[in-house]
Amino acid sequence: MTYRCMAAGICATVLAALLLPGYALAQAPQAAPEHKDYITDAEAEKIRDAATPGERIKLYLSFAQDRLKKFEDEVNRAAPDASENGPLNSLLNAYVGNVDDGADEIEVAQDKQLDIRAELKLMVAKDTEFLATLQKYDANGPGLAMYKDTLEDAIQGTKDAIEDAQDALKVAQTAGARRKP
């Protein structure tokens, strides 16, 4: 009799050990979005608080503009130090990270079938402006060798974002035209 009770207890323990972790995983809250190292805590909070992809696109564009402005300020300092290329590359990486994240919001809006035509137009305009700034430094920027590879990545990322926004805008405009009676 005690053998049966012991065996039943062991089976119950093993069964509970197998089933409870799955239950705990199923009940676990979803993880918060990953905090990206190229945005500040305050900026991450603004992104989390933004209710729509269109609002997030505007925020990412403003963050990208801020990083590009800081890059320009840094690269145009009186005497850029060749040993300090880290800030330039970091600012360009932060810039393109925000541009990419803004472009990623296009797909989110499309999945939710939201009208973000105004934000897409803004994205095309701002990214085109950003591209002109980047290309200015690609031609003959001070200390170009320090950040050339990162600059090329930023230029390509900006071109990709413009193309994504233009493609989405075409789709949104044709979809809107078809809906009109």
N, C-alpha and C. Protein backbone atom coordinates (compact mmCIF):
# COMPACT_ATOMS: atom_id res chain seq x y z
N MET A 1 0.81 -1.19 0.00
CA MET A 1 0.00 0.00 0.00
C MET A 1 0.86 1.25 0.00
N THR A 2 1.88 1.29 0.78
CA THR A 2 2.74 2.46 0.80
C THR A 2 3.49 2.63 -0.50
N TYR A 3 3.81 1.51 -1.17
CA TYR A 3 4.47 1.59 -2.47
C TYR A 3 3.58 2.30 -3.48
N ARG A 4 2.27 1.96 -3.48
CA ARG A 4 1.32 2.59 -4.39
C ARG A 4 1.19 4.09 -4.10
N CYS A 5 1.13 4.44 -2.88
CA CYS A 5 1.01 5.86 -2.51
C CYS A 5 2.25 6.63 -2.92
N MET A 6 3.41 6.02 -2.70
CA MET A 6 4.65 6.66 -3.07
C MET A 6 4.73 6.83 -4.60
N ALA A 7 4.35 5.81 -5.34
CA ALA A 7 4.38 5.86 -6.80
C ALA A 7 3.39 6.91 -7.31
N ALA A 8 2.23 6.96 -6.70
CA ALA A 8 1.23 7.95 -7.11
C ALA A 8 1.74 9.36 -6.81
N GLY A 9 2.40 9.53 -5.68
CA GLY A 9 2.95 10.84 -5.32
C GLY A 9 4.03 11.28 -6.30
N ILE A 10 4.89 10.33 -6.68
CA ILE A 10 5.95 10.64 -7.63
C ILE A 10 5.35 11.00 -8.98
N CYS A 11 4.35 10.22 -9.42
CA CYS A 11 3.69 10.51 -10.71
C CYS A 11 3.03 11.88 -10.68
N ALA A 12 2.39 12.21 -9.58
CA ALA A 12 1.73 13.51 -9.48
C ALA A 12 2.76 14.64 -9.51
N THR A 13 3.89 14.45 -8.85
CA THR A 13 4.94 15.46 -8.83
C THR A 13 5.53 15.66 -10.23
N VAL A 14 5.80 14.53 -10.92
CA VAL A 14 6.37 14.61 -12.26
C VAL A 14 5.37 15.28 -13.20
N LEU A 15 4.11 14.90 -13.11
CA LEU A 15 3.09 15.48 -13.96
C LEU A 15 2.96 16.99 -13.71
N ALA A 16 2.97 17.38 -12.45
CA ALA A 16 2.88 18.80 -12.12
C ALA A 16 4.10 19.56 -12.65
N ALA A 17 5.27 18.95 -12.53
CA ALA A 17 6.49 19.60 -13.01
C ALA A 17 6.46 19.78 -14.52
N LEU A 18 5.85 18.83 -15.21
CA LEU A 18 5.77 18.93 -16.67
C LEU A 18 4.71 19.93 -17.12
N LEU A 19 3.60 19.98 -16.44
CA LEU A 19 2.50 20.82 -16.87
C LEU A 19 2.61 22.27 -16.39
N LEU A 20 3.08 22.51 -15.21
CA LEU A 20 3.10 23.85 -14.66
C LEU A 20 4.03 24.81 -15.39
N PRO A 21 5.23 24.38 -15.83
CA PRO A 21 6.05 25.35 -16.58
C PRO A 21 5.35 25.82 -17.85
N GLY A 22 4.67 24.93 -18.55
CA GLY A 22 3.93 25.32 -19.75
C GLY A 22 2.83 26.30 -19.41
N TYR A 23 2.15 26.05 -18.28
CA TYR A 23 1.10 26.95 -17.83
C TYR A 23 1.69 28.31 -17.49
N ALA A 24 2.82 28.29 -16.81
CA ALA A 24 3.47 29.55 -16.43
C ALA A 24 3.89 30.32 -17.68
N LEU A 25 4.40 29.61 -18.68
CA LEU A 25 4.80 30.29 -19.90
C LEU A 25 3.60 30.86 -20.63
N ALA A 26 2.50 30.12 -20.64
CA ALA A 26 1.30 30.60 -21.33
C ALA A 26 0.72 31.82 -20.64
N GLN A 27 0.91 31.93 -19.33
CA GLN A 27 0.35 33.03 -18.57
C GLN A 27 1.30 34.21 -18.42
N ALA A 28 2.56 34.04 -18.86
CA ALA A 28 3.55 35.10 -18.69
C ALA A 28 3.15 36.32 -19.53
N PRO A 29 3.31 37.51 -18.99
CA PRO A 29 3.00 38.71 -19.77
C PRO A 29 3.99 38.84 -20.92
N GLN A 30 3.54 39.52 -21.97
CA GLN A 30 4.41 39.72 -23.12
C GLN A 30 5.53 40.67 -22.73
N ALA A 31 6.69 40.38 -23.28
CA ALA A 31 7.86 41.21 -22.98
C ALA A 31 7.68 42.60 -23.58
N ALA A 32 8.22 43.58 -22.90
CA ALA A 32 8.18 44.95 -23.41
C ALA A 32 9.07 45.04 -24.64
N PRO A 33 8.77 45.94 -25.55
CA PRO A 33 9.62 46.09 -26.73
C PRO A 33 11.07 46.36 -26.31
N GLU A 34 11.98 45.82 -27.09
CA GLU A 34 13.39 45.97 -26.80
C GLU A 34 13.79 47.44 -26.85
N HIS A 35 14.52 47.88 -25.83
CA HIS A 35 15.01 49.26 -25.81
C HIS A 35 16.24 49.34 -26.70
N LYS A 36 16.17 50.17 -27.67
CA LYS A 36 17.27 50.31 -28.61
C LYS A 36 18.29 51.29 -28.05
N ASP A 37 19.56 50.99 -28.28
CA ASP A 37 20.60 51.82 -27.68
C ASP A 37 20.79 53.15 -28.38
N TYR A 38 20.11 53.37 -29.49
CA TYR A 38 20.26 54.64 -30.19
C TYR A 38 19.14 55.62 -29.90
N ILE A 39 18.27 55.29 -28.97
CA ILE A 39 17.28 56.26 -28.51
C ILE A 39 17.38 56.36 -26.99
N THR A 40 17.03 57.51 -26.49
CA THR A 40 17.10 57.73 -25.04
C THR A 40 15.90 57.09 -24.37
N ASP A 41 15.95 57.00 -23.06
CA ASP A 41 14.82 56.46 -22.31
C ASP A 41 13.56 57.31 -22.53
N ALA A 42 13.74 58.62 -22.56
CA ALA A 42 12.60 59.52 -22.79
C ALA A 42 12.00 59.30 -24.18
N GLU A 43 12.86 59.10 -25.17
CA GLU A 43 12.38 58.85 -26.53
C GLU A 43 11.67 57.50 -26.61
N ALA A 44 12.22 56.51 -25.94
CA ALA A 44 11.58 55.18 -25.92
C ALA A 44 10.19 55.29 -25.29
N GLU A 45 10.08 56.09 -24.26
CA GLU A 45 8.79 56.31 -23.60
C GLU A 45 7.80 56.96 -24.57
N LYS A 46 8.26 57.93 -25.34
CA LYS A 46 7.39 58.59 -26.32
C LYS A 46 6.91 57.59 -27.38
N ILE A 47 7.80 56.72 -27.81
CA ILE A 47 7.43 55.69 -28.80
C ILE A 47 6.38 54.77 -28.21
N ARG A 48 6.59 54.33 -26.98
CA ARG A 48 5.61 53.43 -26.32
C ARG A 48 4.26 54.11 -26.16
N ASP A 49 4.28 55.42 -25.90
CA ASP A 49 3.04 56.16 -25.68
C ASP A 49 2.31 56.52 -26.97
N ALA A 50 3.01 56.47 -28.09
CA ALA A 50 2.39 56.81 -29.37
C ALA A 50 1.34 55.75 -29.72
N ALA A 51 0.15 56.20 -30.01
CA ALA A 51 -0.97 55.28 -30.21
C ALA A 51 -1.01 54.66 -31.60
N THR A 52 -0.44 55.33 -32.59
CA THR A 52 -0.56 54.84 -33.96
C THR A 52 0.80 54.78 -34.65
N PRO A 53 0.90 53.96 -35.69
CA PRO A 53 2.14 53.94 -36.47
C PRO A 53 2.47 55.31 -37.06
N GLY A 54 1.46 56.07 -37.45
CA GLY A 54 1.71 57.40 -38.00
C GLY A 54 2.39 58.31 -36.98
N GLU A 55 1.96 58.24 -35.73
CA GLU A 55 2.59 59.04 -34.68
C GLU A 55 4.03 58.59 -34.46
N ARG A 56 4.25 57.27 -34.50
CA ARG A 56 5.60 56.75 -34.31
C ARG A 56 6.51 57.14 -35.47
N ILE A 57 5.99 57.16 -36.68
CA ILE A 57 6.78 57.59 -37.84
C ILE A 57 7.27 59.02 -37.61
N LYS A 58 6.37 59.90 -37.18
CA LYS A 58 6.76 61.29 -36.93
C LYS A 58 7.85 61.38 -35.85
N LEU A 59 7.69 60.58 -34.81
CA LEU A 59 8.70 60.59 -33.75
C LEU A 59 10.05 60.11 -34.26
N TYR A 60 10.05 58.99 -34.98
CA TYR A 60 11.32 58.48 -35.50
C TYR A 60 11.98 59.48 -36.44
N LEU A 61 11.19 60.17 -37.24
CA LEU A 61 11.75 61.19 -38.12
C LEU A 61 12.39 62.32 -37.31
N SER A 62 11.73 62.72 -36.24
CA SER A 62 12.30 63.80 -35.42
C SER A 62 13.58 63.34 -34.72
N PHE A 63 13.62 62.07 -34.29
CA PHE A 63 14.83 61.55 -33.65
C PHE A 63 15.96 61.46 -34.67
N ALA A 64 15.64 61.02 -35.89
CA ALA A 64 16.65 60.93 -36.95
C ALA A 64 17.20 62.32 -37.27
N GLN A 65 16.31 63.29 -37.36
CA GLN A 65 16.74 64.66 -37.65
C GLN A 65 17.67 65.17 -36.56
N ASP A 66 17.35 64.86 -35.32
CA ASP A 66 18.19 65.27 -34.20
C ASP A 66 19.59 64.66 -34.31
N ARG A 67 19.66 63.36 -34.63
CA ARG A 67 20.96 62.69 -34.74
C ARG A 67 21.77 63.25 -35.91
N LEU A 68 21.09 63.54 -37.01
CA LEU A 68 21.78 64.09 -38.17
C LEU A 68 22.32 65.48 -37.87
N LYS A 69 21.54 66.28 -37.16
CA LYS A 69 22.00 67.62 -36.76
C LYS A 69 23.22 67.51 -35.85
N LYS A 70 23.17 66.59 -34.90
CA LYS A 70 24.32 66.39 -34.00
C LYS A 70 25.54 65.90 -34.78
N PHE A 71 25.31 65.03 -35.76
CA PHE A 71 26.41 64.57 -36.61
C PHE A 71 27.04 65.76 -37.33
N GLU A 72 26.22 66.62 -37.91
CA GLU A 72 26.74 67.80 -38.62
C GLU A 72 27.53 68.70 -37.68
N ASP A 73 27.00 68.92 -36.49
CA ASP A 73 27.70 69.75 -35.52
C ASP A 73 29.07 69.15 -35.18
N GLU A 74 29.08 67.84 -34.98
CA GLU A 74 30.32 67.16 -34.59
C GLU A 74 31.34 67.15 -35.73
N VAL A 75 30.89 66.85 -36.94
CA VAL A 75 31.82 66.75 -38.06
C VAL A 75 32.35 68.13 -38.46
N ASN A 76 31.61 69.17 -38.18
CA ASN A 76 32.03 70.52 -38.54
C ASN A 76 32.74 71.26 -37.41
N ARG A 77 33.03 70.55 -36.35
CA ARG A 77 33.82 71.18 -35.29
C ARG A 77 35.12 71.70 -35.87
N ALA A 78 35.71 72.64 -35.21
CA ALA A 78 36.91 73.30 -35.73
C ALA A 78 38.00 72.30 -36.13
N ALA A 79 38.26 71.32 -35.31
CA ALA A 79 39.33 70.36 -35.62
C ALA A 79 38.88 68.95 -35.24
N PRO A 80 38.20 68.24 -36.15
CA PRO A 80 37.81 66.88 -35.81
C PRO A 80 39.04 66.03 -35.54
N ASP A 81 39.00 65.29 -34.47
CA ASP A 81 40.11 64.45 -34.04
C ASP A 81 39.95 63.07 -34.66
N ALA A 82 40.91 62.64 -35.44
CA ALA A 82 40.85 61.35 -36.13
C ALA A 82 40.74 60.19 -35.14
N SER A 83 41.22 60.38 -33.94
CA SER A 83 41.14 59.29 -32.96
C SER A 83 39.75 59.20 -32.33
N GLU A 84 38.92 60.19 -32.58
CA GLU A 84 37.58 60.21 -31.99
C GLU A 84 36.50 60.01 -33.05
N ASN A 85 36.63 58.98 -33.87
CA ASN A 85 35.62 58.75 -34.90
C ASN A 85 34.40 58.04 -34.35
N GLY A 86 34.47 57.58 -33.12
CA GLY A 86 33.35 56.88 -32.51
C GLY A 86 32.07 57.69 -32.48
N PRO A 87 32.11 58.95 -32.02
CA PRO A 87 30.88 59.74 -31.98
C PRO A 87 30.24 59.92 -33.35
N LEU A 88 31.04 60.13 -34.37
CA LEU A 88 30.49 60.32 -35.71
C LEU A 88 29.77 59.06 -36.19
N ASN A 89 30.43 57.92 -36.02
CA ASN A 89 29.82 56.66 -36.42
C ASN A 89 28.59 56.33 -35.58
N SER A 90 28.66 56.62 -34.30
CA SER A 90 27.51 56.36 -33.42
C SER A 90 26.31 57.22 -33.81
N LEU A 91 26.56 58.47 -34.12
CA LEU A 91 25.47 59.36 -34.51
C LEU A 91 24.85 58.92 -35.84
N LEU A 92 25.68 58.50 -36.78
CA LEU A 92 25.15 58.01 -38.06
C LEU A 92 24.37 56.72 -37.87
N ASN A 93 24.88 55.83 -37.02
CA ASN A 93 24.15 54.59 -36.73
C ASN A 93 22.81 54.87 -36.06
N ALA A 94 22.82 55.82 -35.14
CA ALA A 94 21.57 56.20 -34.46
C ALA A 94 20.60 56.83 -35.45
N TYR A 95 21.12 57.65 -36.33
CA TYR A 95 20.29 58.28 -37.37
C TYR A 95 19.61 57.20 -38.21
N VAL A 96 20.40 56.30 -38.76
CA VAL A 96 19.82 55.30 -39.67
C VAL A 96 18.94 54.30 -38.92
N GLY A 97 19.23 54.05 -37.66
CA GLY A 97 18.35 53.19 -36.86
C GLY A 97 16.96 53.78 -36.74
N ASN A 98 16.89 55.08 -36.53
CA ASN A 98 15.60 55.76 -36.45
C ASN A 98 14.89 55.81 -37.79
N VAL A 99 15.65 56.03 -38.86
CA VAL A 99 15.06 56.02 -40.20
C VAL A 99 14.47 54.64 -40.50
N ASP A 100 15.23 53.59 -40.18
CA ASP A 100 14.76 52.22 -40.41
C ASP A 100 13.52 51.90 -39.58
N ASP A 101 13.54 52.30 -38.33
CA ASP A 101 12.38 52.04 -37.47
C ASP A 101 11.14 52.78 -37.96
N GLY A 102 11.34 53.99 -38.45
CA GLY A 102 10.22 54.72 -39.03
C GLY A 102 9.65 53.99 -40.23
N ALA A 103 10.54 53.49 -41.09
CA ALA A 103 10.10 52.75 -42.27
C ALA A 103 9.40 51.44 -41.87
N ASP A 104 9.84 50.83 -40.79
CA ASP A 104 9.19 49.59 -40.32
C ASP A 104 7.73 49.83 -39.91
N GLU A 105 7.44 51.04 -39.47
CA GLU A 105 6.08 51.36 -39.07
C GLU A 105 5.11 51.38 -40.26
N ILE A 106 5.64 51.50 -41.47
CA ILE A 106 4.78 51.47 -42.66
C ILE A 106 4.06 50.13 -42.74
N GLU A 107 4.81 49.06 -42.54
CA GLU A 107 4.22 47.72 -42.60
C GLU A 107 3.19 47.52 -41.49
N VAL A 108 3.46 48.04 -40.32
CA VAL A 108 2.51 47.94 -39.21
C VAL A 108 1.20 48.62 -39.59
N ALA A 109 1.31 49.81 -40.17
CA ALA A 109 0.11 50.56 -40.58
C ALA A 109 -0.64 49.82 -41.69
N GLN A 110 0.10 49.24 -42.63
CA GLN A 110 -0.53 48.50 -43.71
C GLN A 110 -1.26 47.27 -43.18
N ASP A 111 -0.63 46.57 -42.24
CA ASP A 111 -1.27 45.39 -41.65
C ASP A 111 -2.58 45.76 -40.95
N LYS A 112 -2.61 46.94 -40.34
CA LYS A 112 -3.80 47.40 -39.64
C LYS A 112 -4.74 48.20 -40.54
N GLN A 113 -4.36 48.33 -41.81
CA GLN A 113 -5.13 49.06 -42.81
C GLN A 113 -5.43 50.50 -42.37
N LEU A 114 -4.40 51.16 -41.89
CA LEU A 114 -4.53 52.55 -41.44
C LEU A 114 -4.11 53.50 -42.55
N ASP A 115 -4.73 54.64 -42.59
CA ASP A 115 -4.40 55.66 -43.57
C ASP A 115 -3.27 56.53 -43.01
N ILE A 116 -2.08 56.35 -43.57
CA ILE A 116 -0.92 57.15 -43.13
C ILE A 116 -0.33 57.93 -44.31
N ARG A 117 -1.17 58.29 -45.25
CA ARG A 117 -0.67 59.00 -46.43
C ARG A 117 0.06 60.29 -46.05
N ALA A 118 -0.46 61.03 -45.12
CA ALA A 118 0.19 62.29 -44.71
C ALA A 118 1.58 62.00 -44.12
N GLU A 119 1.68 60.96 -43.31
CA GLU A 119 2.96 60.60 -42.71
C GLU A 119 3.94 60.08 -43.77
N LEU A 120 3.42 59.36 -44.76
CA LEU A 120 4.28 58.88 -45.84
C LEU A 120 4.84 60.04 -46.65
N LYS A 121 4.00 61.03 -46.93
CA LYS A 121 4.47 62.22 -47.65
C LYS A 121 5.54 62.95 -46.83
N LEU A 122 5.29 63.07 -45.53
CA LEU A 122 6.27 63.69 -44.65
C LEU A 122 7.57 62.89 -44.66
N MET A 123 7.46 61.57 -44.61
CA MET A 123 8.64 60.72 -44.60
C MET A 123 9.46 60.90 -45.88
N VAL A 124 8.79 60.92 -47.01
CA VAL A 124 9.50 61.12 -48.28
C VAL A 124 10.20 62.47 -48.28
N ALA A 125 9.51 63.50 -47.85
CA ALA A 125 10.09 64.85 -47.85
C ALA A 125 11.29 64.94 -46.90
N LYS A 126 11.12 64.48 -45.67
CA LYS A 126 12.19 64.58 -44.68
C LYS A 126 13.38 63.70 -45.06
N ASP A 127 13.10 62.45 -45.46
CA ASP A 127 14.19 61.55 -45.82
C ASP A 127 14.95 62.05 -47.05
N THR A 128 14.25 62.69 -47.98
CA THR A 128 14.92 63.27 -49.14
C THR A 128 15.84 64.41 -48.69
N GLU A 129 15.37 65.20 -47.76
CA GLU A 129 16.18 66.28 -47.18
C GLU A 129 17.40 65.69 -46.46
N PHE A 130 17.16 64.63 -45.68
CA PHE A 130 18.26 63.97 -44.96
C PHE A 130 19.28 63.41 -45.94
N LEU A 131 18.80 62.83 -47.02
CA LEU A 131 19.68 62.22 -48.02
C LEU A 131 20.60 63.28 -48.64
N ALA A 132 20.05 64.43 -48.94
CA ALA A 132 20.87 65.52 -49.50
C ALA A 132 21.97 65.92 -48.53
N THR A 133 21.64 65.97 -47.26
CA THR A 133 22.64 66.31 -46.24
C THR A 133 23.73 65.26 -46.19
N LEU A 134 23.33 63.99 -46.16
CA LEU A 134 24.31 62.91 -46.11
C LEU A 134 25.21 62.90 -47.34
N GLN A 135 24.62 63.11 -48.51
CA GLN A 135 25.40 63.09 -49.75
C GLN A 135 26.40 64.24 -49.81
N LYS A 136 26.07 65.33 -49.15
CA LYS A 136 27.00 66.46 -49.09
C LYS A 136 28.29 66.03 -48.38
N TYR A 137 28.16 65.24 -47.34
CA TYR A 137 29.34 64.80 -46.60
C TYR A 137 30.04 63.64 -47.31
N ASP A 138 29.30 62.90 -48.10
CA ASP A 138 29.89 61.79 -48.84
C ASP A 138 30.82 62.31 -49.94
N ALA A 139 30.53 63.47 -50.46
CA ALA A 139 31.34 64.04 -51.53
C ALA A 139 32.69 64.54 -51.02
N ASN A 140 32.66 65.29 -49.93
CA ASN A 140 33.92 65.87 -49.43
C ASN A 140 33.82 66.28 -47.97
N GLY A 141 33.24 65.44 -47.15
CA GLY A 141 33.09 65.78 -45.74
C GLY A 141 34.42 65.82 -45.02
N PRO A 142 34.52 66.68 -44.01
CA PRO A 142 35.75 66.75 -43.22
C PRO A 142 36.01 65.41 -42.53
N GLY A 143 37.20 64.90 -42.66
CA GLY A 143 37.56 63.64 -42.00
C GLY A 143 36.76 62.46 -42.50
N LEU A 144 36.40 62.46 -43.76
CA LEU A 144 35.52 61.45 -44.34
C LEU A 144 35.98 60.02 -44.07
N ALA A 145 37.26 59.79 -44.09
CA ALA A 145 37.78 58.43 -43.88
C ALA A 145 37.34 57.85 -42.54
N MET A 146 37.08 58.71 -41.55
CA MET A 146 36.69 58.25 -40.22
C MET A 146 35.31 57.61 -40.20
N TYR A 147 34.43 58.03 -41.10
CA TYR A 147 33.04 57.58 -41.02
C TYR A 147 32.45 57.18 -42.38
N LYS A 148 33.30 56.99 -43.38
CA LYS A 148 32.83 56.74 -44.74
C LYS A 148 31.91 55.52 -44.83
N ASP A 149 32.31 54.39 -44.24
CA ASP A 149 31.50 53.18 -44.33
C ASP A 149 30.13 53.36 -43.67
N THR A 150 30.12 53.98 -42.52
CA THR A 150 28.86 54.21 -41.81
C THR A 150 28.00 55.20 -42.58
N LEU A 151 28.62 56.19 -43.18
CA LEU A 151 27.90 57.17 -43.99
C LEU A 151 27.25 56.48 -45.19
N GLU A 152 27.97 55.59 -45.84
CA GLU A 152 27.41 54.85 -46.98
C GLU A 152 26.21 54.00 -46.54
N ASP A 153 26.31 53.38 -45.37
CA ASP A 153 25.17 52.62 -44.84
C ASP A 153 23.98 53.53 -44.57
N ALA A 154 24.25 54.72 -44.03
CA ALA A 154 23.18 55.68 -43.74
C ALA A 154 22.52 56.16 -45.02
N ILE A 155 23.32 56.40 -46.04
CA ILE A 155 22.77 56.82 -47.34
C ILE A 155 21.89 55.73 -47.92
N GLN A 156 22.36 54.49 -47.89
CA GLN A 156 21.57 53.39 -48.44
C GLN A 156 20.30 53.17 -47.62
N GLY A 157 20.40 53.24 -46.30
CA GLY A 157 19.22 53.10 -45.46
C GLY A 157 18.18 54.18 -45.72
N THR A 158 18.65 55.38 -45.97
CA THR A 158 17.75 56.50 -46.27
C THR A 158 17.08 56.29 -47.62
N LYS A 159 17.85 55.87 -48.61
CA LYS A 159 17.28 55.58 -49.93
C LYS A 159 16.22 54.48 -49.84
N ASP A 160 16.51 53.45 -49.06
CA ASP A 160 15.56 52.35 -48.89
C ASP A 160 14.27 52.84 -48.23
N ALA A 161 14.41 53.70 -47.22
CA ALA A 161 13.23 54.23 -46.52
C ALA A 161 12.39 55.09 -47.46
N ILE A 162 13.06 55.89 -48.29
CA ILE A 162 12.32 56.71 -49.26
C ILE A 162 11.56 55.81 -50.22
N GLU A 163 12.23 54.79 -50.72
CA GLU A 163 11.59 53.86 -51.66
C GLU A 163 10.40 53.15 -51.01
N ASP A 164 10.57 52.71 -49.76
CA ASP A 164 9.46 52.05 -49.05
C ASP A 164 8.27 52.99 -48.89
N ALA A 165 8.55 54.23 -48.52
CA ALA A 165 7.47 55.20 -48.33
C ALA A 165 6.79 55.53 -49.65
N GLN A 166 7.56 55.69 -50.71
CA GLN A 166 6.98 55.98 -52.02
C GLN A 166 6.11 54.82 -52.51
N ASP A 167 6.60 53.60 -52.33
CA ASP A 167 5.81 52.42 -52.73
C ASP A 167 4.51 52.34 -51.94
N ALA A 168 4.60 52.57 -50.64
CA ALA A 168 3.40 52.51 -49.79
C ALA A 168 2.43 53.63 -50.15
N LEU A 169 2.96 54.78 -50.50
CA LEU A 169 2.12 55.90 -50.89
C LEU A 169 1.37 55.60 -52.19
N LYS A 170 2.04 54.98 -53.14
CA LYS A 170 1.39 54.59 -54.39
C LYS A 170 0.25 53.61 -54.11
N VAL A 171 0.50 52.63 -53.27
CA VAL A 171 -0.52 51.64 -52.93
C VAL A 171 -1.69 52.32 -52.22
N ALA A 172 -1.38 53.21 -51.28
CA ALA A 172 -2.43 53.90 -50.53
C ALA A 172 -3.27 54.79 -51.44
N GLN A 173 -2.64 55.45 -52.38
CA GLN A 173 -3.38 56.34 -53.28
C GLN A 173 -4.24 55.56 -54.25
N THR A 174 -3.75 54.44 -54.77
CA THR A 174 -4.56 53.65 -55.69
C THR A 174 -5.68 52.95 -54.95
N ALA A 175 -5.44 52.54 -53.71
CA ALA A 175 -6.49 51.92 -52.91
C ALA A 175 -7.57 52.93 -52.59
N GLY A 176 -7.17 54.16 -52.29
CA GLY A 176 -8.14 55.23 -52.02
C GLY A 176 -8.94 55.58 -53.26
N ALA A 177 -8.28 55.56 -54.42
CA ALA A 177 -8.98 55.89 -55.66
C ALA A 177 -10.00 54.83 -56.02
N ARG A 178 -9.68 53.55 -55.73
CA ARG A 178 -10.63 52.47 -56.05
C ARG A 178 -11.86 52.50 -55.16
N ARG A 179 -11.72 53.02 -53.95
CA ARG A 179 -12.85 53.01 -53.03
C ARG A 179 -13.89 54.08 -53.36
N LYS A 180 -13.50 55.10 -54.09
CA LYS A 180 -14.44 56.17 -54.42
C LYS A 180 -15.45 55.67 -55.42
N PRO A 181 -16.75 55.94 -55.22
CA PRO A 181 -17.77 55.48 -56.17
C PRO A 181 -17.77 56.28 -57.46
